[in-house]
Protein backbone atom coordinates (compact mmCIF):
# COMPACT_ATOMS: atom_id res chain seq x y z
CA ILE A 1 -41.40 -12.49 -52.83
CA GLY A 2 -41.50 -10.18 -49.50
CA CYS A 3 -43.78 -7.49 -48.47
CA ASP A 4 -42.60 -6.34 -45.20
CA PRO A 5 -40.07 -3.22 -44.55
CA LYS A 6 -37.73 -4.80 -42.95
CA HIS A 7 -36.61 -6.77 -46.37
CA ASP A 8 -36.39 -9.84 -44.03
CA SER A 9 -37.89 -12.23 -46.52
CA THR A 10 -35.21 -11.75 -48.87
CA PHE A 11 -32.09 -10.21 -47.26
CA THR A 12 -30.63 -14.12 -46.16
CA LEU A 13 -30.87 -15.20 -49.60
CA THR A 14 -29.51 -12.07 -51.49
CA LYS A 15 -26.81 -10.75 -48.38
CA LYS A 16 -28.14 -7.27 -48.91
CA MET A 17 -31.41 -5.01 -49.12
CA VAL A 18 -32.46 -5.16 -52.73
CA PRO A 19 -34.17 -2.22 -54.22
CA THR A 20 -37.94 -2.58 -53.86
CA VAL A 21 -40.70 -2.50 -56.41
CA ILE A 22 -41.65 1.04 -54.99
CA ASP A 23 -38.15 2.06 -55.39
CA VAL A 24 -37.69 1.09 -58.88
CA LEU A 25 -41.69 2.42 -59.95
CA GLU A 26 -40.71 5.76 -58.19
CA SER A 27 -37.46 6.01 -60.42
CA VAL A 28 -39.48 5.81 -63.63
CA ASP A 29 -42.17 8.08 -62.25
CA PHE A 30 -44.64 5.12 -61.84
CA HIS A 31 -44.68 4.24 -65.63
CA ALA A 32 -44.64 0.74 -64.92
CA GLU A 33 -44.51 -0.25 -68.53
CA GLU A 34 -41.01 0.92 -68.69
CA LEU A 35 -39.57 -1.73 -66.11
CA ARG A 36 -38.12 -5.25 -66.95
CA PRO A 37 -37.86 -8.22 -64.55
CA GLU A 38 -34.06 -7.44 -64.01
CA ASP A 39 -35.06 -4.26 -62.40
CA PHE A 40 -36.73 -5.47 -59.78
CA MET A 41 -35.70 -9.30 -59.38
CA PHE A 42 -32.44 -10.33 -58.06
CA GLU A 43 -30.82 -13.70 -57.80
CA GLY A 44 -30.05 -15.26 -54.23
CA PHE A 45 -28.88 -18.27 -52.80
CA ASN A 46 -28.83 -21.41 -54.62
CA GLY A 47 -30.74 -19.72 -57.71
CA VAL A 48 -33.83 -18.39 -55.91
CA GLN A 49 -35.16 -15.23 -57.56
CA CYS A 50 -36.00 -12.39 -55.09
CA ILE A 51 -38.40 -9.40 -55.04
CA GLU A 52 -39.17 -6.95 -52.12
CA ALA A 53 -42.27 -5.17 -52.71
CA GLY A 54 -41.53 -2.40 -50.36
CA GLY A 55 -43.62 0.16 -48.91
CA PRO A 56 -44.31 4.00 -48.37
CA PRO A 57 -42.70 5.90 -45.67
CA ALA A 58 -44.14 5.02 -42.46
CA GLY A 59 -47.52 6.96 -41.82
CA THR A 60 -47.69 8.17 -45.31
CA GLY A 61 -49.61 5.64 -47.07
CA CYS A 62 -51.09 2.11 -48.03
CA GLY A 63 -48.53 -0.95 -48.13
CA GLY A 64 -51.49 -2.92 -49.67
CA TYR A 65 -51.55 -0.82 -52.84
CA VAL A 66 -47.48 -1.87 -53.41
CA THR A 67 -48.59 -5.65 -52.72
CA GLY A 68 -51.03 -5.18 -55.30
CA GLN A 69 -48.84 -3.28 -57.93
CA THR A 70 -45.96 -6.10 -57.43
CA VAL A 71 -48.53 -8.73 -58.32
CA LYS A 72 -49.86 -6.80 -61.19
CA LEU A 73 -45.65 -6.49 -62.48
CA LEU A 74 -45.70 -10.31 -62.00
CA LYS A 75 -48.56 -10.90 -64.23
CA GLU A 76 -47.52 -8.41 -66.78
CA HIS A 77 -44.25 -10.22 -67.20
CA HIS A 78 -45.52 -13.83 -66.81
CA LEU A 79 -43.59 -14.64 -63.93
CA LEU A 80 -46.36 -16.33 -62.01
CA GLU A 81 -46.66 -18.86 -64.99
CA ASP A 82 -42.56 -18.98 -66.11
CA THR A 83 -41.50 -19.73 -62.34
CA ASP A 84 -41.17 -23.32 -60.65
CA VAL A 85 -42.60 -22.38 -57.47
CA VAL A 86 -43.81 -18.72 -56.46
CA ILE A 87 -43.60 -17.99 -52.10
CA PHE A 88 -45.46 -14.93 -51.21
CA ASP A 89 -44.66 -13.90 -47.79
CA VAL A 90 -47.62 -11.76 -46.43
CA LEU A 91 -48.22 -9.55 -43.36
CA GLY A 92 -50.54 -10.46 -40.68
CA ASP A 93 -54.03 -10.85 -40.68
CA VAL A 94 -54.97 -9.67 -44.36
CA VAL A 95 -57.35 -7.23 -43.50
CA CYS A 96 -57.06 -4.95 -46.79
CA GLY A 97 -57.44 -6.03 -50.44
CA GLY A 98 -54.18 -5.05 -51.35
CA PHE A 99 -52.18 -7.41 -49.02
CA ALA A 100 -54.80 -10.04 -49.94
CA ALA A 101 -53.98 -9.82 -53.88
CA PRO A 102 -51.49 -12.57 -53.71
CA LEU A 103 -54.19 -14.72 -52.66
CA GLN A 104 -56.05 -14.51 -55.83
CA HIS A 105 -53.10 -16.15 -57.69
CA ALA A 106 -51.93 -18.84 -55.22
CA HIS A 107 -52.66 -22.58 -55.08
CA TYR A 108 -52.72 -22.68 -51.30
CA CYS A 109 -51.88 -20.71 -48.21
CA LEU A 110 -49.66 -21.69 -45.08
CA ILE A 111 -50.14 -19.71 -42.03
CA VAL A 112 -46.94 -19.11 -39.87
CA THR A 113 -47.91 -18.64 -36.42
CA ALA A 114 -46.82 -18.90 -32.91
CA ASN A 115 -48.25 -20.54 -29.76
CA ASP A 116 -49.85 -17.62 -28.18
CA PHE A 117 -53.23 -15.85 -28.23
CA ASP A 118 -52.44 -12.81 -30.40
CA SER A 119 -50.84 -15.08 -33.09
CA ILE A 120 -53.76 -17.58 -33.21
CA PHE A 121 -56.32 -14.83 -33.34
CA ALA A 122 -54.30 -13.32 -36.49
CA MET A 123 -54.44 -16.91 -37.84
CA ASN A 124 -58.45 -16.93 -37.22
CA ARG A 125 -58.31 -13.96 -39.63
CA ILE A 126 -56.49 -15.48 -42.39
CA ILE A 127 -58.63 -18.49 -42.34
CA ALA A 128 -61.73 -16.12 -43.14
CA ALA A 129 -59.56 -14.15 -45.60
CA ILE A 130 -58.97 -17.57 -47.34
CA GLN A 131 -62.56 -18.98 -47.08
CA ALA A 132 -63.91 -15.58 -48.63
CA LYS A 133 -61.43 -15.74 -51.58
CA SER A 134 -61.65 -19.36 -52.29
CA LYS A 135 -65.37 -18.99 -53.29
CA ASN A 136 -63.73 -17.16 -56.72
CA TYR A 137 -60.20 -18.01 -56.73
CA LYS A 138 -58.62 -21.50 -56.36
CA VAL A 139 -56.63 -20.49 -53.21
CA ARG A 140 -57.20 -22.86 -50.27
CA LEU A 141 -55.62 -23.33 -46.84
CA GLY A 142 -52.39 -25.86 -47.15
CA GLY A 143 -51.72 -26.22 -43.12
CA VAL A 144 -49.81 -24.29 -40.06
CA VAL A 145 -46.14 -23.65 -39.50
CA ALA A 146 -45.60 -23.24 -35.77
CA ASN A 147 -43.04 -21.02 -35.17
CA ARG A 148 -40.39 -19.62 -32.53
CA SER A 149 -42.46 -21.93 -30.10
CA ARG A 150 -41.19 -24.22 -27.55
CA GLU A 151 -44.67 -26.03 -27.43
CA THR A 152 -47.66 -26.06 -29.93
CA ASN A 153 -50.45 -27.15 -27.40
CA GLU A 154 -52.25 -23.92 -28.33
CA ILE A 155 -52.01 -24.44 -31.92
CA ASP A 156 -53.00 -27.81 -31.40
CA ARG A 157 -56.08 -26.62 -29.77
CA PHE A 158 -57.08 -24.41 -32.61
CA ASN A 159 -56.33 -26.79 -34.90
CA ALA A 160 -58.68 -29.14 -33.75
CA ALA A 161 -61.38 -26.90 -33.45
CA VAL A 162 -61.28 -25.50 -36.70
CA GLY A 163 -60.04 -28.10 -39.29
CA LEU A 164 -56.36 -27.62 -39.58
CA LYS A 165 -53.07 -29.31 -39.26
CA THR A 166 -49.38 -28.33 -38.32
CA MET A 167 -47.05 -28.74 -41.14
CA ALA A 168 -43.86 -27.75 -39.71
CA HIS A 169 -42.47 -26.97 -36.02
CA PHE A 170 -39.50 -24.41 -35.78
CA GLN A 171 -38.69 -23.70 -31.98
CA ASP A 172 -36.83 -20.98 -30.79
CA VAL A 173 -33.31 -21.92 -32.05
CA ASP A 174 -30.92 -19.61 -31.82
CA ALA A 175 -29.09 -20.77 -35.12
CA ILE A 176 -31.87 -19.16 -36.59
CA ARG A 177 -31.66 -15.79 -35.28
CA ARG A 178 -27.72 -15.86 -35.68
CA SER A 179 -27.99 -17.06 -39.36
CA ARG A 180 -30.21 -13.86 -39.74
CA LEU A 181 -27.93 -11.60 -38.22
CA LYS A 182 -25.16 -13.18 -40.48
CA LYS A 183 -27.51 -12.30 -43.09
CA CYS A 184 -27.17 -15.77 -44.69
CA THR A 185 -29.52 -18.93 -45.00
CA ILE A 186 -29.52 -21.78 -42.00
CA PHE A 187 -28.11 -23.76 -44.95
CA GLU A 188 -25.13 -21.76 -45.20
CA MET A 189 -24.35 -21.88 -41.53
CA GLU A 190 -21.94 -24.51 -39.91
CA PRO A 191 -23.48 -27.65 -39.76
CA THR A 192 -23.74 -27.93 -35.71
CA GLU A 193 -26.11 -30.32 -34.22
CA ASP A 194 -28.76 -27.58 -33.97
CA VAL A 195 -28.38 -26.42 -37.44
CA VAL A 196 -28.56 -29.90 -39.11
CA LYS A 197 -31.92 -30.43 -37.16
CA VAL A 198 -33.07 -27.01 -38.44
CA GLN A 199 -32.34 -27.68 -41.89
CA HIS A 200 -34.26 -31.17 -41.80
CA GLU A 201 -37.17 -29.39 -40.37
CA TYR A 202 -36.97 -26.93 -43.38
CA LEU A 203 -36.47 -29.88 -46.18
CA GLU A 204 -39.16 -31.95 -44.93
CA LEU A 205 -41.61 -28.62 -44.79
CA ALA A 206 -40.27 -28.10 -48.51
CA ARG A 207 -41.06 -31.73 -49.46
CA LYS A 208 -44.64 -31.60 -47.78
CA MET A 209 -45.14 -28.11 -49.89
CA LEU A 210 -44.40 -29.78 -53.10
CA GLU A 211 -46.08 -33.41 -52.46
CA ASP A 212 -48.17 -33.73 -49.61
CA VAL A 213 -50.30 -30.52 -49.56
CA VAL A 214 -54.19 -31.30 -49.38
CA PRO A 215 -56.53 -28.49 -49.11
CA LEU A 216 -57.92 -28.22 -46.12
CA PRO A 217 -61.77 -27.12 -45.45
CA ALA A 218 -61.25 -24.93 -42.24
CA ALA A 219 -63.67 -22.56 -40.75
CA PRO A 220 -62.83 -19.63 -38.65
CA LEU A 221 -64.40 -19.32 -35.26
CA LYS A 222 -66.04 -16.10 -33.96
CA ASP A 223 -63.98 -13.99 -31.77
CA ARG A 224 -65.72 -14.90 -28.42
CA GLU A 225 -65.20 -18.53 -29.29
CA ILE A 226 -61.42 -17.82 -29.64
CA PHE A 227 -61.16 -16.31 -26.15
CA ASP A 228 -63.17 -19.06 -24.63
CA LEU A 229 -61.08 -22.20 -26.30
CA LEU A 230 -57.49 -20.33 -25.36
CA GLY A 231 -55.29 -20.50 -22.38
CA PHE A 232 -56.07 -21.53 -18.85
CA ASP A 233 -59.01 -21.90 -16.71
């Protein structure tokens, strides 16, 4: 389930831009009771069921509202309970209640980040959001995915300070960029050495997500503490 205007959570799976939840809600004048799962859920590669929340036109409304409505539809149609695994791809540093709505139904959260100050600062905000939600819901922190980063030294330094661990490391591999331009998954690419290496990393991450996730009692840093922790003297 994606909530990004780029549709980038699902288009490699479906080979197209699927109608979004906001699209189909608009088509029935926002009478959600008229919708069926097949109106907003579409089958992609290897049987994965795909949903894109969508959002209002740029500069005109709140994307978090649409994310909240998507979660509401999932609950109404029992899709959270009747599905083997649900992955919700949530934007950024979770500063509004709408974007945080999926956290109320998740078992754990993985944070995708890069080895730079801005990404790690956003990661710290997510830790704070999980900490707040975990007081009333079952969601817990599962770990970090280092993405599009040759090194992980800054991520490692932050993890050690707050109590996180890295579950996977995806470097800036051109095969991933090319797969997205081809609008297909990395598992449908020609099995060159770099493609096979990335495939194995994805499969290992999937195995860890299904078998080895242990809740991490991480605590966020204060803004000034991050500023002093990261970077060079």
